[in-house]
Amino acid sequence: MAETIPNKIWEKRDSGTQRAQFFPLMEEPKIDTLKRKLVVGVAPVGAFVTKDVLPMVPNNPKEVIAAAKECFDAGASLIHIHCKTPEGILSVDPQLSVDTLQPIKEL
């Protein structure tokens, strides 16, 4: 059975030491991104997230393509997307995938 983390850990602002025992990466040294290559991946399209839940989520091919361009322009190296119909419905239709991914590939 998994150990339950007491809520008190999250209530304290000075609980970095306590959090580190559950999330040891917090103790890793900072990476100087100006001296090393950094891959930034983004996932701006939720598979089952719609505009009624999150108004800014790209919800059709045109919006997905625009979001991809914006992400790449901001420095993203890769993008994870879910193709959606013009009505915002998640789809694995091959032609929809081509129609969405080809413009992104050409960015």
C-alpha atoms as a PDB file:
ATOM      1  CA  MET A   1       0.000   0.000   0.000  1.00  0.00           C
ATOM      2  CA  ALA A   2       1.344   3.438  -0.940  1.00  0.00           C
ATOM      3  CA  GLU A   3       2.441   5.769   1.833  1.00  0.00           C
ATOM      4  CA  THR A   4       0.131   8.729   2.359  1.00  0.00           C
ATOM      5  CA  ILE A   5       1.804  12.134   2.330  1.00  0.00           C
ATOM      6  CA  PRO A   6       0.487  14.328   5.153  1.00  0.00           C
ATOM      7  CA  ASN A   7      -1.162  17.557   3.970  1.00  0.00           C
ATOM      8  CA  LYS A   8       0.940  19.554   6.441  1.00  0.00           C
ATOM      9  CA  ILE A   9       3.980  19.165   4.155  1.00  0.00           C
ATOM     10  CA  TRP A  10       2.236  21.224   1.500  1.00  0.00           C
ATOM     11  CA  GLU A  11       0.955  23.892   3.879  1.00  0.00           C
ATOM     12  CA  LYS A  12       4.389  25.031   5.050  1.00  0.00           C
ATOM     13  CA  ARG A  13       6.283  27.520   2.922  1.00  0.00           C
ATOM     14  CA  ASP A  14       9.641  26.469   4.419  1.00  0.00           C
ATOM     15  CA  SER A  15       9.156  22.759   3.849  1.00  0.00           C
ATOM     16  CA  GLY A  16      11.736  22.394   1.056  1.00  0.00           C
ATOM     17  CA  THR A  17      13.661  19.795   3.041  1.00  0.00           C
ATOM     18  CA  GLN A  18      10.533  17.758   3.645  1.00  0.00           C
ATOM     19  CA  ARG A  19       9.475  17.983  -0.024  1.00  0.00           C
ATOM     20  CA  ALA A  20      12.962  16.913  -1.118  1.00  0.00           C
ATOM     21  CA  GLN A  21      12.498  13.517   0.509  1.00  0.00           C
ATOM     22  CA  PHE A  22       9.517  12.901  -1.792  1.00  0.00           C
ATOM     23  CA  PHE A  23      10.855  14.820  -4.803  1.00  0.00           C
ATOM     24  CA  PRO A  24      14.672  14.410  -4.753  1.00  0.00           C
ATOM     25  CA  LEU A  25      15.077  16.250  -8.062  1.00  0.00           C
ATOM     26  CA  MET A  26      14.605  19.471  -6.132  1.00  0.00           C
ATOM     27  CA  GLU A  27      18.125  18.915  -4.802  1.00  0.00           C
ATOM     28  CA  GLU A  28      19.658  18.538  -8.279  1.00  0.00           C
ATOM     29  CA  PRO A  29      22.005  21.340  -9.300  1.00  0.00           C
ATOM     30  CA  LYS A  30      20.530  23.995 -11.563  1.00  0.00           C
ATOM     31  CA  ILE A  31      21.328  23.603 -15.253  1.00  0.00           C
ATOM     32  CA  ASP A  32      22.944  26.618 -16.836  1.00  0.00           C
ATOM     33  CA  THR A  33      20.895  26.594 -20.040  1.00  0.00           C
ATOM     34  CA  LEU A  34      23.118  29.184 -21.658  1.00  0.00           C
ATOM     35  CA  LYS A  35      26.037  26.729 -21.715  1.00  0.00           C
ATOM     36  CA  ARG A  36      24.155  23.524 -22.568  1.00  0.00           C
ATOM     37  CA  LYS A  37      21.641  22.524 -25.186  1.00  0.00           C
ATOM     38  CA  LEU A  38      18.105  22.363 -23.892  1.00  0.00           C
ATOM     39  CA  VAL A  39      15.159  20.585 -25.497  1.00  0.00           C
ATOM     40  CA  VAL A  40      11.838  22.210 -24.733  1.00  0.00           C
ATOM     41  CA  GLY A  41       8.768  20.113 -25.416  1.00  0.00           C
ATOM     42  CA  VAL A  42       5.233  21.418 -25.211  1.00  0.00           C
ATOM     43  CA  ALA A  43       1.770  19.887 -25.274  1.00  0.00           C
ATOM     44  CA  PRO A  44      -0.716  22.702 -25.919  1.00  0.00           C
ATOM     45  CA  VAL A  45      -3.615  20.470 -26.999  1.00  0.00           C
ATOM     46  CA  GLY A  46      -5.398  18.345 -24.423  1.00  0.00           C
ATOM     47  CA  ALA A  47      -6.890  15.117 -25.725  1.00  0.00           C
ATOM     48  CA  PHE A  48     -10.119  15.498 -23.791  1.00  0.00           C
ATOM     49  CA  VAL A  49      -9.872  19.139 -22.741  1.00  0.00           C
ATOM     50  CA  THR A  50     -12.391  21.396 -24.433  1.00  0.00           C
ATOM     51  CA  LYS A  51     -12.911  25.136 -24.539  1.00  0.00           C
ATOM     52  CA  ASP A  52     -15.685  24.954 -21.958  1.00  0.00           C
ATOM     53  CA  VAL A  53     -13.067  23.682 -19.477  1.00  0.00           C
ATOM     54  CA  LEU A  54     -10.070  25.706 -20.701  1.00  0.00           C
ATOM     55  CA  PRO A  55     -10.975  28.518 -23.134  1.00  0.00           C
ATOM     56  CA  MET A  56      -7.428  28.897 -24.502  1.00  0.00           C
ATOM     57  CA  VAL A  57      -6.967  25.265 -25.578  1.00  0.00           C
ATOM     58  CA  PRO A  58      -6.546  24.838 -29.355  1.00  0.00           C
ATOM     59  CA  ASN A  59      -9.653  22.958 -30.399  1.00  0.00           C
ATOM     60  CA  ASN A  60      -9.589  22.585 -34.183  1.00  0.00           C
ATOM     61  CA  PRO A  61      -6.930  22.097 -36.892  1.00  0.00           C
ATOM     62  CA  LYS A  62      -6.472  25.818 -37.578  1.00  0.00           C
ATOM     63  CA  GLU A  63      -5.976  26.584 -33.872  1.00  0.00           C
ATOM     64  CA  VAL A  64      -3.640  23.597 -33.385  1.00  0.00           C
ATOM     65  CA  ILE A  65      -1.449  24.770 -36.272  1.00  0.00           C
ATOM     66  CA  ALA A  66      -1.389  28.331 -34.907  1.00  0.00           C
ATOM     67  CA  ALA A  67      -0.499  27.063 -31.419  1.00  0.00           C
ATOM     68  CA  ALA A  68       2.332  24.949 -32.842  1.00  0.00           C
ATOM     69  CA  LYS A  69       3.746  27.973 -34.673  1.00  0.00           C
ATOM     70  CA  GLU A  70       3.532  30.081 -31.526  1.00  0.00           C
ATOM     71  CA  CYS A  71       5.307  27.376 -29.509  1.00  0.00           C
ATOM     72  CA  PHE A  72       8.096  26.957 -32.062  1.00  0.00           C
ATOM     73  CA  ASP A  73       8.513  30.733 -32.332  1.00  0.00           C
ATOM     74  CA  ALA A  74       8.890  30.845 -28.538  1.00  0.00           C
ATOM     75  CA  GLY A  75      11.688  28.253 -28.680  1.00  0.00           C
ATOM     76  CA  ALA A  76      10.023  24.857 -28.367  1.00  0.00           C
ATOM     77  CA  SER A  77      11.970  22.008 -29.937  1.00  0.00           C
ATOM     78  CA  LEU A  78       9.091  19.568 -30.166  1.00  0.00           C
ATOM     79  CA  ILE A  79       5.351  19.563 -29.809  1.00  0.00           C
ATOM     80  CA  HIS A  80       2.903  16.880 -28.713  1.00  0.00           C
ATOM     81  CA  ILE A  81      -0.566  17.346 -30.176  1.00  0.00           C
ATOM     82  CA  HIS A  82      -3.868  15.589 -30.552  1.00  0.00           C
ATOM     83  CA  CYS A  83      -5.691  16.094 -33.840  1.00  0.00           C
ATOM     84  CA  LYS A  84      -9.220  17.416 -33.567  1.00  0.00           C
ATOM     85  CA  THR A  85     -11.960  17.939 -36.104  1.00  0.00           C
ATOM     86  CA  PRO A  86     -13.097  21.485 -36.991  1.00  0.00           C
ATOM     87  CA  GLU A  87     -15.828  20.935 -34.376  1.00  0.00           C
ATOM     88  CA  GLY A  88     -13.208  20.178 -31.714  1.00  0.00           C
ATOM     89  CA  ILE A  89     -13.730  16.419 -31.498  1.00  0.00           C
ATOM     90  CA  LEU A  90     -10.678  14.229 -30.880  1.00  0.00           C
ATOM     91  CA  SER A  91      -9.992  12.135 -33.989  1.00  0.00           C
ATOM     92  CA  VAL A  92      -7.496   9.646 -35.373  1.00  0.00           C
ATOM     93  CA  ASP A  93      -8.719  10.085 -38.937  1.00  0.00           C
ATOM     94  CA  PRO A  94      -5.642   9.721 -41.200  1.00  0.00           C
ATOM     95  CA  GLN A  95      -6.606  12.569 -43.515  1.00  0.00           C
ATOM     96  CA  LEU A  96      -7.236  14.917 -40.590  1.00  0.00           C
ATOM     97  CA  SER A  97      -3.815  13.987 -39.233  1.00  0.00           C
ATOM     98  CA  VAL A  98      -2.173  14.810 -42.557  1.00  0.00           C
ATOM     99  CA  ASP A  99      -4.123  18.066 -42.864  1.00  0.00           C
ATOM    100  CA  THR A 100      -3.046  19.105 -39.365  1.00  0.00           C
ATOM    101  CA  LEU A 101       0.510  17.778 -39.260  1.00  0.00           C
ATOM    102  CA  GLN A 102       1.702  18.743 -42.742  1.00  0.00           C
ATOM    103  CA  PRO A 103       1.354  22.515 -42.148  1.00  0.00           C
ATOM    104  CA  ILE A 104       3.087  22.092 -38.773  1.00  0.00           C
ATOM    105  CA  LYS A 105       5.912  20.155 -40.433  1.00  0.00           C
ATOM    106  CA  GLU A 106       6.410  23.034 -42.855  1.00  0.00           C
ATOM    107  CA  LEU A 107       6.737  25.678 -40.101  1.00  0.00           C
END
